[in-house]
Amino acid sequence: MTTDKTADFERNPQYEHRLVVFYDILGWRSRIERAGNDPQKIGELRRHVLVGPRVLTAQTPSPTSDVRFSAFSDNIVISQMVSTAHAIHFLATLCSFQIGSATDGYLIRGGVTVGNLHHDAESVFGPALNRAYYLESEIADVPRIIVDENVLELCIPRPFFLVEEDGVNFIDPFTHHFVQLLQDMNMPKQAYWEHIGFPIPNGFSLKTTPREQLLRESLDAMKPVLRGPIRDKDWNKMAWLYDRIAGRLGVPLAGSYPRQRIED
């Protein structure tokens, strides 16, 4: 007798045309080592793997967005259907996730593209994933999310948080302008937090928070790592983002602090 599982195993699917992001978290191996066997620290790692996919799944512009995600350690793949509205919303949500992660001390590096992909609850692969991984591993280099040319074609008009530097396009949420955008948005209601399974915020209001606070919190989260024992290549990656934010706030750059080098 052929079961549903057998039929699913034997089916030959076609690729779908999807928008996809691949990202990982810088310094993940060190975080695992520091967590040891402490359940609270292990839970923190797990929660950060979950937060990006859950937010992107919940904050979709329409029920037909068809968001799917897969995770292996800190390697996260999220895909959804392709349209202009979906692409801009997808990037904006990644921006908010990226800046929120930085304030918690997690720096994100990734790549976004459009292309052929197979993505279901048990497997994900295809040319689009290969491309997104290439953008993350070969182009991004520092904590940023690279946006491929075929995604740019969907982003008309081009949103202000999508920038180009040295021929590379990436999202940049670490600005007063983007923080203002977050403050201007309506705070999600209790049903939203329950839907994505997050604790309901208690007493915190982004609207009344000074715009510089989120940016300063990102710097404060990076300072202990930059000042502690760190390899040059890791320091350079983190200092790129630190100096980008510090320059906008008019505070000392990463190189002004004493360093503890670890030799490669």
Protein backbone atom coordinates (compact mmCIF):
# COMPACT_ATOMS: atom_id res chain seq x y z
CA MET A 1 0.00 0.00 0.00
CA THR A 2 1.32 3.42 -0.94
CA THR A 3 1.19 5.85 1.97
CA ASP A 4 1.15 9.61 1.78
CA LYS A 5 4.74 9.62 3.02
CA THR A 6 5.81 7.17 0.35
CA ALA A 7 4.10 9.24 -2.34
CA ASP A 8 5.81 12.35 -1.04
CA PHE A 9 9.19 10.59 -1.00
CA GLU A 10 8.77 9.44 -4.59
CA ARG A 11 7.42 12.68 -6.08
CA ASN A 12 9.54 14.69 -8.53
CA PRO A 13 8.92 18.37 -7.80
CA GLN A 14 9.70 21.27 -10.08
CA TYR A 15 11.62 24.30 -8.90
CA GLU A 16 9.62 27.35 -7.88
CA HIS A 17 10.63 30.95 -8.58
CA ARG A 18 11.19 32.38 -5.08
CA LEU A 19 12.76 35.20 -3.13
CA VAL A 20 15.33 33.73 -0.74
CA VAL A 21 17.74 34.90 1.96
CA PHE A 22 20.59 32.88 3.40
CA TYR A 23 22.24 34.28 6.51
CA ASP A 24 24.36 33.24 9.44
CA ILE A 25 25.50 34.74 12.72
CA LEU A 26 29.10 35.87 13.12
CA GLY A 27 30.94 34.33 16.07
CA TRP A 28 28.40 31.53 16.51
CA ARG A 29 31.02 28.89 17.34
CA SER A 30 32.42 31.05 20.14
CA ARG A 31 28.92 31.58 21.53
CA ILE A 32 28.34 27.83 21.64
CA GLU A 33 31.62 27.36 23.50
CA ARG A 34 30.73 30.09 26.01
CA ALA A 35 27.24 28.64 26.54
CA GLY A 36 28.65 25.29 27.63
CA ASN A 37 25.86 23.18 29.16
CA ASP A 38 23.99 26.10 30.71
CA PRO A 39 20.30 25.63 29.73
CA GLN A 40 19.62 29.37 29.92
CA LYS A 41 22.45 30.19 27.51
CA ILE A 42 21.49 27.31 25.22
CA GLY A 43 17.93 28.66 25.24
CA GLU A 44 19.21 32.10 24.28
CA LEU A 45 20.99 30.63 21.26
CA ARG A 46 17.88 28.73 20.23
CA ARG A 47 15.68 31.80 20.60
CA HIS A 48 17.91 33.80 18.33
CA VAL A 49 17.74 31.12 15.64
CA LEU A 50 13.95 31.27 15.88
CA VAL A 51 13.41 35.02 15.99
CA GLY A 52 14.25 35.87 12.36
CA PRO A 53 12.08 33.20 10.73
CA ARG A 54 9.19 33.82 13.12
CA VAL A 55 9.17 37.58 12.52
CA LEU A 56 9.41 37.16 8.74
CA THR A 57 6.66 34.53 8.80
CA ALA A 58 4.34 36.74 10.83
CA GLN A 59 5.04 40.09 9.16
CA THR A 60 3.95 39.20 5.65
CA PRO A 61 2.09 41.68 3.43
CA SER A 62 -0.53 39.10 2.52
CA PRO A 63 -1.63 35.55 3.44
CA THR A 64 -0.33 34.40 0.05
CA SER A 65 3.29 35.32 0.85
CA ASP A 66 3.96 31.62 1.50
CA VAL A 67 6.98 32.10 3.78
CA ARG A 68 9.07 28.98 4.43
CA PHE A 69 12.22 28.55 6.48
CA SER A 70 14.92 26.02 7.31
CA ALA A 71 17.70 26.15 9.89
CA PHE A 72 20.92 24.23 10.44
CA SER A 73 22.87 25.53 13.42
CA ASP A 74 23.12 29.29 12.70
CA ASN A 75 22.60 28.83 8.95
CA ILE A 76 19.12 30.16 8.18
CA VAL A 77 17.23 29.98 4.87
CA ILE A 78 13.95 31.86 4.44
CA SER A 79 12.04 32.05 1.16
CA GLN A 80 8.74 33.43 -0.08
CA MET A 81 6.86 34.29 -3.24
CA VAL A 82 8.15 37.00 -5.57
CA SER A 83 6.62 40.45 -6.16
CA THR A 84 7.61 44.09 -5.69
CA ALA A 85 5.54 44.44 -2.52
CA HIS A 86 6.91 41.23 -1.09
CA ALA A 87 10.53 42.09 -1.93
CA ILE A 88 10.47 45.55 -0.29
CA HIS A 89 8.64 44.23 2.77
CA PHE A 90 11.05 41.27 2.97
CA LEU A 91 14.08 43.59 2.99
CA ALA A 92 12.52 46.00 5.49
CA THR A 93 11.77 43.14 7.87
CA LEU A 94 15.32 41.86 7.50
CA CYS A 95 16.49 45.39 8.39
CA SER A 96 14.49 45.43 11.63
CA PHE A 97 15.73 41.94 12.48
CA GLN A 98 19.33 42.94 11.76
CA ILE A 99 19.28 46.01 13.98
CA GLY A 100 17.42 44.16 16.73
CA SER A 101 19.99 41.35 16.59
CA ALA A 102 22.86 43.81 16.85
CA THR A 103 21.45 45.35 20.03
CA ASP A 104 21.53 41.81 21.50
CA GLY A 105 25.12 41.32 20.34
CA TYR A 106 24.36 39.09 17.33
CA LEU A 107 25.79 40.28 14.02
CA ILE A 108 24.19 39.00 10.82
CA ARG A 109 25.78 38.36 7.43
CA GLY A 110 23.74 37.19 4.47
CA GLY A 111 22.62 37.34 0.86
CA VAL A 112 19.23 37.85 -0.81
CA THR A 113 18.37 36.77 -4.35
CA VAL A 114 15.55 35.55 -6.59
CA GLY A 115 15.65 32.30 -8.51
CA ASN A 116 14.78 28.63 -8.79
CA LEU A 117 14.40 26.90 -5.46
CA HIS A 118 12.92 23.77 -3.94
CA HIS A 119 11.90 24.50 -0.34
CA ASP A 120 9.62 22.40 1.80
CA ALA A 121 9.43 21.36 5.46
CA GLU A 122 12.22 18.79 5.08
CA SER A 123 14.55 20.04 2.36
CA VAL A 124 15.82 23.14 0.63
CA PHE A 125 18.14 23.40 -2.37
CA GLY A 126 18.51 24.89 -5.82
CA PRO A 127 20.39 27.50 -7.84
CA ALA A 128 18.86 30.37 -5.86
CA LEU A 129 20.18 28.98 -2.58
CA ASN A 130 23.62 28.48 -4.14
CA ARG A 131 23.56 32.12 -5.23
CA ALA A 132 22.40 33.43 -1.84
CA TYR A 133 25.13 31.40 -0.12
CA TYR A 134 27.71 32.82 -2.54
CA LEU A 135 26.61 36.39 -1.76
CA GLU A 136 26.89 35.68 1.96
CA SER A 137 30.19 33.81 1.94
CA GLU A 138 32.11 35.56 -0.85
CA ILE A 139 30.69 39.09 -1.16
CA ALA A 140 29.30 40.16 2.21
CA ASP A 141 32.57 39.61 4.15
CA VAL A 142 31.43 41.92 6.98
CA PRO A 143 28.15 42.04 8.97
CA ARG A 144 25.75 43.06 6.20
CA ILE A 145 23.09 41.49 3.99
CA ILE A 146 23.90 41.69 0.28
CA VAL A 147 21.04 42.27 -2.17
CA ASP A 148 21.36 40.70 -5.61
CA GLU A 149 20.75 42.61 -8.86
CA ASN A 150 17.58 40.65 -9.63
CA VAL A 151 16.09 41.77 -6.31
CA LEU A 152 16.97 45.39 -7.07
CA GLU A 153 14.86 45.14 -10.22
CA LEU A 154 11.83 44.50 -7.99
CA CYS A 155 12.55 47.36 -5.59
CA ILE A 156 11.05 50.28 -7.50
CA PRO A 157 11.08 52.89 -6.11
CA ARG A 158 14.31 52.00 -4.35
CA PRO A 159 13.85 52.16 -0.55
CA PHE A 160 16.21 54.44 1.39
CA PHE A 161 17.58 51.56 3.45
CA LEU A 162 18.97 49.88 0.33
CA VAL A 163 22.42 51.36 -0.38
CA GLU A 164 25.27 50.84 -2.84
CA GLU A 165 28.93 51.19 -1.90
CA ASP A 166 31.88 50.19 -4.07
CA GLY A 167 29.51 48.45 -6.49
CA VAL A 168 27.91 46.31 -3.76
CA ASN A 169 24.26 46.66 -2.77
CA PHE A 170 23.15 45.89 0.77
CA ILE A 171 20.55 46.88 3.34
CA ASP A 172 21.59 49.45 5.93
CA PRO A 173 19.25 49.77 8.93
CA PHE A 174 21.79 51.46 11.21
CA THR A 175 20.60 55.00 10.53
CA HIS A 176 18.47 57.57 12.33
CA HIS A 177 16.13 57.47 9.32
CA PHE A 178 15.42 53.75 9.67
CA VAL A 179 14.96 53.97 13.44
CA GLN A 180 12.45 56.77 12.80
CA LEU A 181 10.63 54.45 10.39
CA LEU A 182 10.38 51.82 13.13
CA GLN A 183 9.06 54.42 15.56
CA ASP A 184 6.43 55.60 13.10
CA MET A 185 5.03 52.10 12.69
CA ASN A 186 2.10 51.01 14.83
CA MET A 187 3.16 48.83 17.73
CA PRO A 188 1.93 45.25 17.20
CA LYS A 189 -1.03 44.22 19.32
CA GLN A 190 -1.07 41.38 21.84
CA ALA A 191 -2.45 38.95 19.24
CA TYR A 192 0.66 39.50 17.11
CA TRP A 193 3.05 38.56 19.89
CA GLU A 194 0.95 35.52 20.74
CA HIS A 195 0.86 34.51 17.07
CA ILE A 196 4.65 34.39 16.74
CA GLY A 197 5.15 32.97 20.23
CA PHE A 198 7.13 35.87 21.73
CA PRO A 199 6.72 37.26 25.24
CA ILE A 200 4.54 40.38 25.20
CA PRO A 201 6.76 43.46 25.72
CA ASN A 202 6.23 44.94 29.15
CA GLY A 203 6.74 48.65 29.65
CA PHE A 204 8.90 49.21 26.56
CA SER A 205 7.79 51.70 23.91
CA LEU A 206 9.88 52.21 20.81
CA LYS A 207 7.94 55.39 20.05
CA THR A 208 9.22 57.12 23.19
CA THR A 209 12.77 55.76 22.91
CA PRO A 210 15.38 58.32 21.74
CA ARG A 211 16.37 57.55 18.14
CA GLU A 212 20.05 57.20 19.04
CA GLN A 213 19.39 54.62 21.74
CA LEU A 214 19.09 51.60 19.43
CA LEU A 215 22.26 52.63 17.62
CA ARG A 216 24.13 53.15 20.89
CA GLU A 217 22.90 49.78 22.18
CA SER A 218 24.37 48.16 19.06
CA LEU A 219 27.76 49.73 19.86
CA ASP A 220 27.52 48.77 23.54
CA ALA A 221 26.85 45.14 22.59
CA MET A 222 29.97 45.06 20.39
CA LYS A 223 32.37 46.77 22.81
CA PRO A 224 33.09 43.76 25.09
CA VAL A 225 34.00 41.60 22.07
CA LEU A 226 36.16 44.27 20.43
CA ARG A 227 38.03 44.90 23.69
CA GLY A 228 38.39 41.23 24.61
CA PRO A 229 40.70 38.59 23.09
CA ILE A 230 39.93 38.54 19.37
CA ARG A 231 41.62 37.60 16.09
CA ASP A 232 42.44 40.35 13.62
CA LYS A 233 40.09 39.01 10.94
CA ASP A 234 37.17 38.91 13.40
CA TRP A 235 38.03 42.35 14.79
CA ASN A 236 38.12 43.83 11.28
CA LYS A 237 34.65 42.49 10.47
CA MET A 238 33.11 43.81 13.66
CA ALA A 239 34.98 47.12 13.49
CA TRP A 240 33.53 47.76 10.02
CA LEU A 241 30.01 47.91 11.46
CA TYR A 242 31.08 49.56 14.71
CA ASP A 243 32.81 52.42 12.89
CA ARG A 244 29.86 52.82 10.53
CA ILE A 245 27.52 53.40 13.47
CA ALA A 246 30.02 55.34 15.59
CA GLY A 247 30.65 57.77 12.74
CA ARG A 248 26.94 58.54 12.56
CA LEU A 249 26.77 59.14 16.31
CA GLY A 250 30.00 61.15 16.46
CA VAL A 251 31.66 58.88 19.04
CA PRO A 252 35.18 57.33 19.08
CA LEU A 253 35.87 54.59 16.52
CA ALA A 254 36.80 51.01 17.33
CA GLY A 255 40.52 51.64 16.92
CA SER A 256 40.52 54.09 19.82
CA TYR A 257 40.05 51.25 22.34
CA PRO A 258 42.84 48.95 23.60
CA ARG A 259 42.98 45.51 21.98
CA GLN A 260 43.82 41.98 23.05
CA ARG A 261 45.01 40.13 19.96
CA ILE A 262 44.74 36.40 19.45
CA GLU A 263 47.29 35.15 16.97
CA ASP A 264 45.97 33.05 14.08
